[in-house]
Amino acid sequence: MAALLRVVALSLVTFIVFAASWQLAAIAGAHTRGAVGESALRADPQGRGLSPGARAGILGDTPGVRLTPGGTALVLSPGFPLTVIDRGTATPVRASRGSTVGDVLALLDLKLGPLDQVVAREDGPLVAGDVVRVLRVSESLTVVREAVPYAVRTVADSSLAAGRVVVSVPGAPGLADNTYRVRVVDGTEAERELVASAVVQEPVTEVRRVGTRPPPGPAEIVAIIRNAAAAWGADPDQLLRVAYCESRYNPDAYNASSGASGLFQFMPRTWAANSVRAGYGGASVFDPVANANTAAYMFANGQAGQWSCK
């Protein structure tokens, strides 16, 4: 009877040990499968929970399985390729489907400043081949001392020959402290805007005397014009100025494009009508006496406005 009891006890212990071993093996197998399954990660945009080695796997070109230093298996998805350009440096990246620009920047741990700009597609998530460009923008104020241009004022001077210019008061530039807002994009100045200006030294206006006196003409022509002015009561100096301006005192002057002719450059119809009124009907427009007297007649009768020369 004692021998039988020993056999039964031994069988029972053997069964218990077998059952316990089977249970432990099942638990270990389930734990191993759970470690692999629960650790299977796609390359999420931020790479949360990944070791540096696994993160490098996300950025690599070959998909597959990676092991962490602790031996945990990570199943990595290759995603799709795109390029991020920051400060002129291009970085190839693989991102998971549906990733946004923010996801990709977070993946590379790129922080944006308050003025930085991102240039990328605007119509939905990123796709393969996209380029995300990060523009690093900064603004600063700078003060530059710069010259202020001077103005020029002209004064008619009848004591000077026509066309001659004499500077009576030389001009001088002033100085101003100009404040600019400077915008720099990726290290290159892109914009400069003047926001304030403080004059340090006022500029000096230049004064130029411009001659109006016609140069002396041939004595005979000058005499003809003065005699005509006296005959009709016109201003001789005005007639001399206009004659010089129109023909340079040349009684044979002719403008082929308009037909203006003679000392005072009469137009054909004007000459035809007024030469008769002045008593020189039928005379040649190139006759200096007829031309000067007809002009003097018109000036004396308020028709000087028909000349652009004054």
C-alpha atoms as a PDB file:
ATOM      1  CA  MET A   1       0.000   0.000   0.000  1.00  0.00           C
ATOM      2  CA  ALA A   2       2.854   2.422   0.770  1.00  0.00           C
ATOM      3  CA  ALA A   3       4.486   1.658  -2.547  1.00  0.00           C
ATOM      4  CA  LEU A   4       1.264   2.460  -4.341  1.00  0.00           C
ATOM      5  CA  LEU A   5       0.960   5.761  -2.580  1.00  0.00           C
ATOM      6  CA  ARG A   6       4.517   6.700  -3.556  1.00  0.00           C
ATOM      7  CA  VAL A   7       3.738   5.934  -7.222  1.00  0.00           C
ATOM      8  CA  VAL A   8       0.599   8.071  -7.126  1.00  0.00           C
ATOM      9  CA  ALA A   9       2.404  10.970  -5.451  1.00  0.00           C
ATOM     10  CA  LEU A  10       5.249  10.825  -7.958  1.00  0.00           C
ATOM     11  CA  SER A  11       2.783  10.862 -10.867  1.00  0.00           C
ATOM     12  CA  LEU A  12       0.947  13.809  -9.403  1.00  0.00           C
ATOM     13  CA  VAL A  13       4.165  15.790  -8.928  1.00  0.00           C
ATOM     14  CA  THR A  14       5.231  14.965 -12.495  1.00  0.00           C
ATOM     15  CA  PHE A  15       1.877  16.185 -13.855  1.00  0.00           C
ATOM     16  CA  ILE A  16       2.048  19.403 -11.851  1.00  0.00           C
ATOM     17  CA  VAL A  17       5.603  20.113 -13.024  1.00  0.00           C
ATOM     18  CA  PHE A  18       4.610  19.406 -16.652  1.00  0.00           C
ATOM     19  CA  ALA A  19       1.566  21.654 -16.430  1.00  0.00           C
ATOM     20  CA  ALA A  20       3.545  24.435 -14.835  1.00  0.00           C
ATOM     21  CA  SER A  21       6.262  24.197 -17.493  1.00  0.00           C
ATOM     22  CA  TRP A  22       3.670  24.281 -20.274  1.00  0.00           C
ATOM     23  CA  GLN A  23       2.008  27.353 -18.751  1.00  0.00           C
ATOM     24  CA  LEU A  24       5.326  29.195 -18.389  1.00  0.00           C
ATOM     25  CA  ALA A  25       6.246  28.407 -21.997  1.00  0.00           C
ATOM     26  CA  ALA A  26       2.905  29.749 -23.229  1.00  0.00           C
ATOM     27  CA  ILE A  27       3.305  32.959 -21.224  1.00  0.00           C
ATOM     28  CA  ALA A  28       6.854  33.475 -22.538  1.00  0.00           C
ATOM     29  CA  GLY A  29       5.716  32.949 -26.119  1.00  0.00           C
ATOM     30  CA  ALA A  30       2.875  35.393 -25.747  1.00  0.00           C
ATOM     31  CA  HIS A  31       5.230  37.935 -24.194  1.00  0.00           C
ATOM     32  CA  THR A  32       7.672  37.598 -27.091  1.00  0.00           C
ATOM     33  CA  ARG A  33       4.947  38.000 -29.678  1.00  0.00           C
ATOM     34  CA  GLY A  34       3.537  40.996 -27.821  1.00  0.00           C
ATOM     35  CA  ALA A  35       6.950  42.665 -27.651  1.00  0.00           C
ATOM     36  CA  VAL A  36       7.366  42.384 -31.382  1.00  0.00           C
ATOM     37  CA  GLY A  37       3.789  43.308 -32.238  1.00  0.00           C
ATOM     38  CA  GLU A  38       3.438  46.176 -29.795  1.00  0.00           C
ATOM     39  CA  SER A  39       6.815  47.598 -30.831  1.00  0.00           C
ATOM     40  CA  ALA A  40       6.036  47.518 -34.553  1.00  0.00           C
ATOM     41  CA  LEU A  41       6.104  51.197 -35.461  1.00  0.00           C
ATOM     42  CA  ARG A  42       5.721  53.066 -38.677  1.00  0.00           C
ATOM     43  CA  ALA A  43       8.041  56.030 -39.266  1.00  0.00           C
ATOM     44  CA  ASP A  44       5.765  58.550 -37.621  1.00  0.00           C
ATOM     45  CA  PRO A  45       6.533  62.250 -38.334  1.00  0.00           C
ATOM     46  CA  GLN A  46       7.958  62.942 -34.882  1.00  0.00           C
ATOM     47  CA  GLY A  47       9.674  59.607 -34.300  1.00  0.00           C
ATOM     48  CA  ARG A  48       8.212  59.358 -30.789  1.00  0.00           C
ATOM     49  CA  GLY A  49       9.490  56.457 -28.702  1.00  0.00           C
ATOM     50  CA  LEU A  50      12.358  55.641 -31.081  1.00  0.00           C
ATOM     51  CA  SER A  51      15.981  55.250 -30.145  1.00  0.00           C
ATOM     52  CA  PRO A  52      18.632  57.221 -32.104  1.00  0.00           C
ATOM     53  CA  GLY A  53      19.411  54.086 -34.086  1.00  0.00           C
ATOM     54  CA  ALA A  54      15.766  53.562 -34.960  1.00  0.00           C
ATOM     55  CA  ARG A  55      15.388  57.268 -35.852  1.00  0.00           C
ATOM     56  CA  ALA A  56      18.332  56.915 -38.210  1.00  0.00           C
ATOM     57  CA  GLY A  57      16.498  53.991 -39.744  1.00  0.00           C
ATOM     58  CA  ILE A  58      13.546  56.242 -40.512  1.00  0.00           C
ATOM     59  CA  LEU A  59      15.790  58.654 -42.371  1.00  0.00           C
ATOM     60  CA  GLY A  60      17.614  55.867 -44.162  1.00  0.00           C
ATOM     61  CA  ASP A  61      16.882  54.604 -47.654  1.00  0.00           C
ATOM     62  CA  THR A  62      16.298  50.889 -46.846  1.00  0.00           C
ATOM     63  CA  PRO A  63      13.119  49.767 -45.092  1.00  0.00           C
ATOM     64  CA  GLY A  64      13.063  46.775 -42.782  1.00  0.00           C
ATOM     65  CA  VAL A  65      13.389  45.673 -39.184  1.00  0.00           C
ATOM     66  CA  ARG A  66      15.598  47.468 -36.672  1.00  0.00           C
ATOM     67  CA  LEU A  67      16.594  46.352 -33.187  1.00  0.00           C
ATOM     68  CA  THR A  68      16.925  48.706 -30.281  1.00  0.00           C
ATOM     69  CA  PRO A  69      19.839  48.296 -27.837  1.00  0.00           C
ATOM     70  CA  GLY A  70      17.383  46.461 -25.589  1.00  0.00           C
ATOM     71  CA  GLY A  71      16.667  43.919 -28.321  1.00  0.00           C
ATOM     72  CA  THR A  72      13.123  45.075 -29.096  1.00  0.00           C
ATOM     73  CA  ALA A  73      12.206  44.654 -32.775  1.00  0.00           C
ATOM     74  CA  LEU A  74      10.943  47.706 -34.631  1.00  0.00           C
ATOM     75  CA  VAL A  75       9.237  47.236 -37.988  1.00  0.00           C
ATOM     76  CA  LEU A  76       9.861  50.410 -39.992  1.00  0.00           C
ATOM     77  CA  SER A  77       7.887  51.632 -43.001  1.00  0.00           C
ATOM     78  CA  PRO A  78      10.037  53.317 -45.682  1.00  0.00           C
ATOM     79  CA  GLY A  79       7.387  56.006 -46.349  1.00  0.00           C
ATOM     80  CA  PHE A  80       7.885  58.308 -49.349  1.00  0.00           C
ATOM     81  CA  PRO A  81      10.863  60.523 -50.232  1.00  0.00           C
ATOM     82  CA  LEU A  82      10.918  64.315 -50.137  1.00  0.00           C
ATOM     83  CA  THR A  83      13.501  67.040 -49.596  1.00  0.00           C
ATOM     84  CA  VAL A  84      13.771  69.718 -46.939  1.00  0.00           C
ATOM     85  CA  ILE A  85      15.974  72.750 -47.680  1.00  0.00           C
ATOM     86  CA  ASP A  86      17.024  74.811 -44.682  1.00  0.00           C
ATOM     87  CA  ARG A  87      19.614  77.614 -44.901  1.00  0.00           C
ATOM     88  CA  GLY A  88      20.513  76.384 -48.375  1.00  0.00           C
ATOM     89  CA  THR A  89      21.253  72.824 -47.239  1.00  0.00           C
ATOM     90  CA  ALA A  90      19.116  70.049 -48.727  1.00  0.00           C
ATOM     91  CA  THR A  91      18.203  67.081 -46.515  1.00  0.00           C
ATOM     92  CA  PRO A  92      16.483  63.973 -47.975  1.00  0.00           C
ATOM     93  CA  VAL A  93      13.639  62.709 -45.785  1.00  0.00           C
ATOM     94  CA  ARG A  94      11.197  59.789 -45.818  1.00  0.00           C
ATOM     95  CA  ALA A  95       7.790  60.563 -44.368  1.00  0.00           C
ATOM     96  CA  SER A  96       4.720  58.439 -43.714  1.00  0.00           C
ATOM     97  CA  ARG A  97       1.617  58.855 -45.790  1.00  0.00           C
ATOM     98  CA  GLY A  98      -0.525  61.815 -44.790  1.00  0.00           C
ATOM     99  CA  SER A  99       2.369  63.763 -43.283  1.00  0.00           C
ATOM    100  CA  THR A 100       2.050  67.524 -43.169  1.00  0.00           C
ATOM    101  CA  VAL A 101       4.749  70.172 -43.334  1.00  0.00           C
ATOM    102  CA  GLY A 102       4.600  70.473 -39.565  1.00  0.00           C
ATOM    103  CA  ASP A 103       5.134  66.715 -39.215  1.00  0.00           C
ATOM    104  CA  VAL A 104       8.239  66.804 -41.400  1.00  0.00           C
ATOM    105  CA  LEU A 105       9.701  69.796 -39.577  1.00  0.00           C
ATOM    106  CA  ALA A 106       9.105  68.015 -36.283  1.00  0.00           C
ATOM    107  CA  LEU A 107      10.762  64.863 -37.667  1.00  0.00           C
ATOM    108  CA  LEU A 108      13.922  66.885 -38.321  1.00  0.00           C
ATOM    109  CA  ASP A 109      13.491  68.867 -35.106  1.00  0.00           C
ATOM    110  CA  LEU A 110      13.460  72.157 -37.062  1.00  0.00           C
ATOM    111  CA  LYS A 111      12.183  75.117 -35.064  1.00  0.00           C
ATOM    112  CA  LEU A 112      10.788  78.217 -36.806  1.00  0.00           C
ATOM    113  CA  GLY A 113      11.525  81.764 -35.732  1.00  0.00           C
ATOM    114  CA  PRO A 114       8.766  84.400 -35.563  1.00  0.00           C
ATOM    115  CA  LEU A 115       9.552  85.705 -39.069  1.00  0.00           C
ATOM    116  CA  ASP A 116      10.664  82.476 -40.724  1.00  0.00           C
ATOM    117  CA  GLN A 117       8.674  81.273 -43.704  1.00  0.00           C
ATOM    118  CA  VAL A 118       7.995  77.828 -45.148  1.00  0.00           C
ATOM    119  CA  VAL A 119       7.458  77.375 -48.872  1.00  0.00           C
ATOM    120  CA  ALA A 120       5.625  74.129 -49.707  1.00  0.00           C
ATOM    121  CA  ARG A 121       2.499  72.831 -51.363  1.00  0.00           C
ATOM    122  CA  GLU A 122      -0.743  74.333 -50.080  1.00  0.00           C
ATOM    123  CA  ASP A 123      -3.249  71.766 -51.377  1.00  0.00           C
ATOM    124  CA  GLY A 124      -3.204  68.974 -48.806  1.00  0.00           C
ATOM    125  CA  PRO A 125      -0.657  66.548 -47.352  1.00  0.00           C
ATOM    126  CA  LEU A 126       2.804  66.179 -48.795  1.00  0.00           C
ATOM    127  CA  VAL A 127       3.508  63.693 -51.570  1.00  0.00           C
ATOM    128  CA  ALA A 128       6.584  61.985 -52.936  1.00  0.00           C
ATOM    129  CA  GLY A 129       9.077  64.337 -54.543  1.00  0.00           C
ATOM    130  CA  ASP A 130       7.872  67.452 -52.739  1.00  0.00           C
ATOM    131  CA  VAL A 131      10.385  70.090 -51.693  1.00  0.00           C
ATOM    132  CA  VAL A 132       9.881  71.944 -48.420  1.00  0.00           C
ATOM    133  CA  ARG A 133      11.933  75.118 -48.277  1.00  0.00           C
ATOM    134  CA  VAL A 134      12.514  76.848 -44.954  1.00  0.00           C
ATOM    135  CA  LEU A 135      13.396  80.523 -45.298  1.00  0.00           C
ATOM    136  CA  ARG A 136      15.177  81.982 -42.295  1.00  0.00           C
ATOM    137  CA  VAL A 137      14.037  85.598 -42.010  1.00  0.00           C
ATOM    138  CA  SER A 138      15.299  88.319 -39.706  1.00  0.00           C
ATOM    139  CA  GLU A 139      14.727  92.061 -39.469  1.00  0.00           C
ATOM    140  CA  SER A 140      16.857  94.755 -37.891  1.00  0.00           C
ATOM    141  CA  LEU A 141      17.126  98.542 -37.804  1.00  0.00           C
ATOM    142  CA  THR A 142      20.279 100.240 -39.031  1.00  0.00           C
ATOM    143  CA  VAL A 143      21.185 103.929 -39.162  1.00  0.00           C
ATOM    144  CA  VAL A 144      23.195 105.236 -42.112  1.00  0.00           C
ATOM    145  CA  ARG A 145      24.477 108.794 -42.508  1.00  0.00           C
ATOM    146  CA  GLU A 146      23.806 109.782 -46.110  1.00  0.00           C
ATOM    147  CA  ALA A 147      24.045 112.861 -48.316  1.00  0.00           C
ATOM    148  CA  VAL A 148      20.935 114.952 -49.002  1.00  0.00           C
ATOM    149  CA  PRO A 149      20.860 116.363 -52.581  1.00  0.00           C
ATOM    150  CA  TYR A 150      20.706 120.121 -52.943  1.00  0.00           C
ATOM    151  CA  ALA A 151      18.129 121.988 -55.031  1.00  0.00           C
ATOM    152  CA  VAL A 152      18.935 124.300 -57.959  1.00  0.00           C
ATOM    153  CA  ARG A 153      17.271 127.675 -58.530  1.00  0.00           C
ATOM    154  CA  THR A 154      17.677 129.632 -61.772  1.00  0.00           C
ATOM    155  CA  VAL A 155      17.442 133.395 -62.144  1.00  0.00           C
ATOM    156  CA  ALA A 156      17.101 135.167 -65.500  1.00  0.00           C
ATOM    157  CA  ASP A 157      19.885 137.693 -66.047  1.00  0.00           C
ATOM    158  CA  SER A 158      19.631 140.120 -68.977  1.00  0.00           C
ATOM    159  CA  SER A 159      23.229 141.252 -68.439  1.00  0.00           C
ATOM    160  CA  LEU A 160      24.487 137.865 -69.589  1.00  0.00           C
ATOM    161  CA  ALA A 161      24.456 136.621 -73.132  1.00  0.00           C
ATOM    162  CA  ALA A 162      21.623 134.213 -73.932  1.00  0.00           C
ATOM    163  CA  GLY A 163      22.497 130.668 -73.000  1.00  0.00           C
ATOM    164  CA  ARG A 164      25.298 131.561 -70.629  1.00  0.00           C
ATOM    165  CA  VAL A 165      25.006 130.183 -67.079  1.00  0.00           C
ATOM    166  CA  VAL A 166      26.884 131.547 -64.084  1.00  0.00           C
ATOM    167  CA  VAL A 167      26.696 129.930 -60.644  1.00  0.00           C
ATOM    168  CA  SER A 168      26.347 132.734 -58.126  1.00  0.00           C
ATOM    169  CA  VAL A 169      25.769 130.517 -55.071  1.00  0.00           C
ATOM    170  CA  PRO A 170      27.333 127.041 -55.214  1.00  0.00           C
ATOM    171  CA  GLY A 171      25.131 124.252 -53.959  1.00  0.00           C
ATOM    172  CA  ALA A 172      26.219 121.887 -51.212  1.00  0.00           C
ATOM    173  CA  PRO A 173      24.663 118.577 -50.161  1.00  0.00           C
ATOM    174  CA  GLY A 174      23.343 118.169 -46.664  1.00  0.00           C
ATOM    175  CA  LEU A 175      23.604 115.209 -44.312  1.00  0.00           C
ATOM    176  CA  ALA A 176      20.912 113.043 -42.759  1.00  0.00           C
ATOM    177  CA  ASP A 177      20.854 110.047 -40.455  1.00  0.00           C
ATOM    178  CA  ASN A 178      18.510 107.648 -42.218  1.00  0.00           C
ATOM    179  CA  THR A 179      17.048 104.698 -40.332  1.00  0.00           C
ATOM    180  CA  TYR A 180      16.313 101.621 -42.436  1.00  0.00           C
ATOM    181  CA  ARG A 181      14.471  98.427 -41.622  1.00  0.00           C
ATOM    182  CA  VAL A 182      16.596  95.702 -43.185  1.00  0.00           C
ATOM    183  CA  ARG A 183      15.062  92.328 -44.000  1.00  0.00           C
ATOM    184  CA  VAL A 184      17.489  89.418 -44.425  1.00  0.00           C
ATOM    185  CA  VAL A 185      16.441  86.085 -45.951  1.00  0.00           C
ATOM    186  CA  ASP A 186      18.833  83.144 -45.615  1.00  0.00           C
ATOM    187  CA  GLY A 187      21.718  85.484 -44.898  1.00  0.00           C
ATOM    188  CA  THR A 188      21.094  87.797 -47.878  1.00  0.00           C
ATOM    189  CA  GLU A 189      19.589  91.267 -47.657  1.00  0.00           C
ATOM    190  CA  ALA A 190      16.245  91.128 -49.444  1.00  0.00           C
ATOM    191  CA  GLU A 191      14.650  94.473 -48.590  1.00  0.00           C
ATOM    192  CA  ARG A 192      15.610  97.853 -47.148  1.00  0.00           C
ATOM    193  CA  GLU A 193      12.881 100.279 -46.136  1.00  0.00           C
ATOM    194  CA  LEU A 194      13.436 103.854 -44.954  1.00  0.00           C
ATOM    195  CA  VAL A 195      11.453 104.339 -41.740  1.00  0.00           C
ATOM    196  CA  ALA A 196      12.899 107.586 -40.357  1.00  0.00           C
ATOM    197  CA  SER A 197      15.232 110.399 -41.344  1.00  0.00           C
ATOM    198  CA  ALA A 198      16.867 113.066 -39.202  1.00  0.00           C
ATOM    199  CA  VAL A 199      18.609 115.944 -40.989  1.00  0.00           C
ATOM    200  CA  VAL A 200      22.003 116.637 -39.475  1.00  0.00           C
ATOM    201  CA  GLN A 201      23.055 119.359 -41.901  1.00  0.00           C
ATOM    202  CA  GLU A 202      20.732 121.241 -44.255  1.00  0.00           C
ATOM    203  CA  PRO A 203      21.677 121.314 -47.963  1.00  0.00           C
ATOM    204  CA  VAL A 204      22.554 124.639 -49.613  1.00  0.00           C
ATOM    205  CA  THR A 205      20.453 125.567 -52.649  1.00  0.00           C
ATOM    206  CA  GLU A 206      22.508 126.384 -55.728  1.00  0.00           C
ATOM    207  CA  VAL A 207      21.625 129.640 -57.526  1.00  0.00           C
ATOM    208  CA  ARG A 208      22.367 129.858 -61.236  1.00  0.00           C
ATOM    209  CA  ARG A 209      22.092 133.027 -63.303  1.00  0.00           C
ATOM    210  CA  VAL A 210      20.925 132.276 -66.832  1.00  0.00           C
ATOM    211  CA  GLY A 211      21.623 134.878 -69.521  1.00  0.00           C
ATOM    212  CA  THR A 212      18.791 136.213 -71.663  1.00  0.00           C
ATOM    213  CA  ARG A 213      20.564 138.917 -73.665  1.00  0.00           C
ATOM    214  CA  PRO A 214      20.958 137.856 -77.272  1.00  0.00           C
ATOM    215  CA  PRO A 215      24.497 138.117 -78.566  1.00  0.00           C
ATOM    216  CA  PRO A 216      25.195 141.046 -80.900  1.00  0.00           C
ATOM    217  CA  GLY A 217      24.085 140.301 -84.441  1.00  0.00           C
ATOM    218  CA  PRO A 218      25.217 141.778 -87.712  1.00  0.00           C
ATOM    219  CA  ALA A 219      25.018 145.539 -87.317  1.00  0.00           C
ATOM    220  CA  GLU A 220      22.771 145.881 -90.356  1.00  0.00           C
ATOM    221  CA  ILE A 221      20.232 143.329 -89.105  1.00  0.00           C
ATOM    222  CA  VAL A 222      20.196 144.832 -85.613  1.00  0.00           C
ATOM    223  CA  ALA A 223      19.621 148.264 -87.103  1.00  0.00           C
ATOM    224  CA  ILE A 224      16.758 146.997 -89.305  1.00  0.00           C
ATOM    225  CA  ILE A 225      15.012 145.435 -86.284  1.00  0.00           C
ATOM    226  CA  ARG A 226      15.465 148.544 -84.129  1.00  0.00           C
ATOM    227  CA  ASN A 227      14.145 150.813 -86.895  1.00  0.00           C
ATOM    228  CA  ALA A 228      11.098 148.565 -87.362  1.00  0.00           C
ATOM    229  CA  ALA A 229      10.423 148.625 -83.619  1.00  0.00           C
ATOM    230  CA  ALA A 230      10.633 152.427 -83.583  1.00  0.00           C
ATOM    231  CA  ALA A 231       8.323 152.697 -86.596  1.00  0.00           C
ATOM    232  CA  TRP A 232       5.551 150.629 -85.009  1.00  0.00           C
ATOM    233  CA  GLY A 233       6.099 151.466 -81.352  1.00  0.00           C
ATOM    234  CA  ALA A 234       7.206 147.925 -80.437  1.00  0.00           C
ATOM    235  CA  ASP A 235       9.803 146.912 -77.848  1.00  0.00           C
ATOM    236  CA  PRO A 236      13.182 146.663 -79.692  1.00  0.00           C
ATOM    237  CA  ASP A 237      14.771 144.386 -77.076  1.00  0.00           C
ATOM    238  CA  GLN A 238      11.877 141.968 -77.310  1.00  0.00           C
ATOM    239  CA  LEU A 239      12.097 141.917 -81.100  1.00  0.00           C
ATOM    240  CA  LEU A 240      15.841 141.299 -80.925  1.00  0.00           C
ATOM    241  CA  ARG A 241      15.370 138.386 -78.511  1.00  0.00           C
ATOM    242  CA  VAL A 242      12.695 136.766 -80.650  1.00  0.00           C
ATOM    243  CA  ALA A 243      14.662 137.192 -83.865  1.00  0.00           C
ATOM    244  CA  TYR A 244      17.739 135.639 -82.287  1.00  0.00           C
ATOM    245  CA  CYS A 245      15.729 132.789 -80.834  1.00  0.00           C
ATOM    246  CA  GLU A 246      13.915 132.088 -84.085  1.00  0.00           C
ATOM    247  CA  SER A 247      16.677 132.443 -86.667  1.00  0.00           C
ATOM    248  CA  ARG A 248      19.900 133.548 -84.979  1.00  0.00           C
ATOM    249  CA  TYR A 249      19.478 136.798 -86.995  1.00  0.00           C
ATOM    250  CA  ASN A 250      19.619 134.876 -90.267  1.00  0.00           C
ATOM    251  CA  PRO A 251      17.188 136.454 -92.773  1.00  0.00           C
ATOM    252  CA  ASP A 252      17.491 133.346 -94.990  1.00  0.00           C
ATOM    253  CA  ALA A 253      16.547 130.844 -92.276  1.00  0.00           C
ATOM    254  CA  TYR A 254      14.040 128.191 -93.406  1.00  0.00           C
ATOM    255  CA  ASN A 255      12.390 125.281 -91.617  1.00  0.00           C
ATOM    256  CA  ALA A 256      11.684 122.566 -94.169  1.00  0.00           C
ATOM    257  CA  SER A 257       9.299 120.646 -91.890  1.00  0.00           C
ATOM    258  CA  SER A 258       6.999 123.573 -91.070  1.00  0.00           C
ATOM    259  CA  GLY A 259       7.700 126.113 -93.818  1.00  0.00           C
ATOM    260  CA  ALA A 260       8.640 128.856 -91.300  1.00  0.00           C
ATOM    261  CA  SER A 261      10.880 131.411 -92.984  1.00  0.00           C
ATOM    262  CA  GLY A 262      12.955 134.562 -92.518  1.00  0.00           C
ATOM    263  CA  LEU A 263      14.218 136.509 -89.503  1.00  0.00           C
ATOM    264  CA  PHE A 264      11.082 135.886 -87.424  1.00  0.00           C
ATOM    265  CA  GLN A 265      10.215 132.499 -88.968  1.00  0.00           C
ATOM    266  CA  PHE A 266       6.818 133.397 -90.331  1.00  0.00           C
ATOM    267  CA  MET A 267       4.458 130.603 -91.305  1.00  0.00           C
ATOM    268  CA  PRO A 268       3.222 131.021 -94.923  1.00  0.00           C
ATOM    269  CA  ARG A 269      -0.399 131.925 -94.060  1.00  0.00           C
ATOM    270  CA  THR A 270       0.620 134.276 -91.228  1.00  0.00           C
ATOM    271  CA  TRP A 271       3.038 136.062 -93.547  1.00  0.00           C
ATOM    272  CA  ALA A 272       0.517 136.330 -96.358  1.00  0.00           C
ATOM    273  CA  ALA A 273      -2.086 137.994 -94.134  1.00  0.00           C
ATOM    274  CA  ASN A 274       0.047 140.299 -92.001  1.00  0.00           C
ATOM    275  CA  SER A 275       2.603 141.467 -94.511  1.00  0.00           C
ATOM    276  CA  VAL A 276      -0.257 143.135 -96.376  1.00  0.00           C
ATOM    277  CA  ARG A 277      -1.511 144.849 -93.221  1.00  0.00           C
ATOM    278  CA  ALA A 278       1.991 146.089 -92.476  1.00  0.00           C
ATOM    279  CA  GLY A 279       2.253 147.586 -95.988  1.00  0.00           C
ATOM    280  CA  TYR A 280       4.582 144.916 -97.398  1.00  0.00           C
ATOM    281  CA  GLY A 281       2.129 142.933 -99.475  1.00  0.00           C
ATOM    282  CA  GLY A 282       3.908 140.916-102.147  1.00  0.00           C
ATOM    283  CA  ALA A 283       7.322 141.309-100.488  1.00  0.00           C
ATOM    284  CA  SER A 284       9.516 138.245 -99.985  1.00  0.00           C
ATOM    285  CA  VAL A 285       9.438 136.723 -96.561  1.00  0.00           C
ATOM    286  CA  PHE A 286      13.245 136.553 -96.819  1.00  0.00           C
ATOM    287  CA  ASP A 287      13.442 140.352 -97.154  1.00  0.00           C
ATOM    288  CA  PRO A 288      14.796 141.374 -93.708  1.00  0.00           C
ATOM    289  CA  VAL A 289      13.135 144.810 -93.800  1.00  0.00           C
ATOM    290  CA  ALA A 290       9.708 143.442 -94.729  1.00  0.00           C
ATOM    291  CA  ASN A 291      10.080 140.583 -92.253  1.00  0.00           C
ATOM    292  CA  ALA A 292      11.168 142.822 -89.357  1.00  0.00           C
ATOM    293  CA  ASN A 293       8.456 145.427 -89.994  1.00  0.00           C
ATOM    294  CA  THR A 294       5.697 142.853 -90.276  1.00  0.00           C
ATOM    295  CA  ALA A 295       6.849 141.359 -86.967  1.00  0.00           C
ATOM    296  CA  ALA A 296       7.004 144.816 -85.356  1.00  0.00           C
ATOM    297  CA  TYR A 297       3.474 145.534 -86.590  1.00  0.00           C
ATOM    298  CA  MET A 298       2.154 142.306 -85.044  1.00  0.00           C
ATOM    299  CA  PHE A 299       4.010 142.841 -81.736  1.00  0.00           C
ATOM    300  CA  ALA A 300       2.687 146.402 -81.512  1.00  0.00           C
ATOM    301  CA  ASN A 301      -0.855 145.083 -82.053  1.00  0.00           C
ATOM    302  CA  GLY A 302      -0.748 142.452 -79.340  1.00  0.00           C
ATOM    303  CA  GLN A 303       0.039 139.422 -81.486  1.00  0.00           C
ATOM    304  CA  ALA A 304       3.382 138.499 -79.893  1.00  0.00           C
ATOM    305  CA  GLY A 305       1.710 135.375 -78.489  1.00  0.00           C
ATOM    306  CA  GLN A 306       1.957 133.728 -81.893  1.00  0.00           C
ATOM    307  CA  TRP A 307       5.680 133.191 -81.200  1.00  0.00           C
ATOM    308  CA  SER A 308       6.895 130.600 -78.739  1.00  0.00           C
ATOM    309  CA  CYS A 309      10.094 132.618 -78.294  1.00  0.00           C
ATOM    310  CA  LYS A 310       9.608 135.523 -75.933  1.00  0.00           C
END
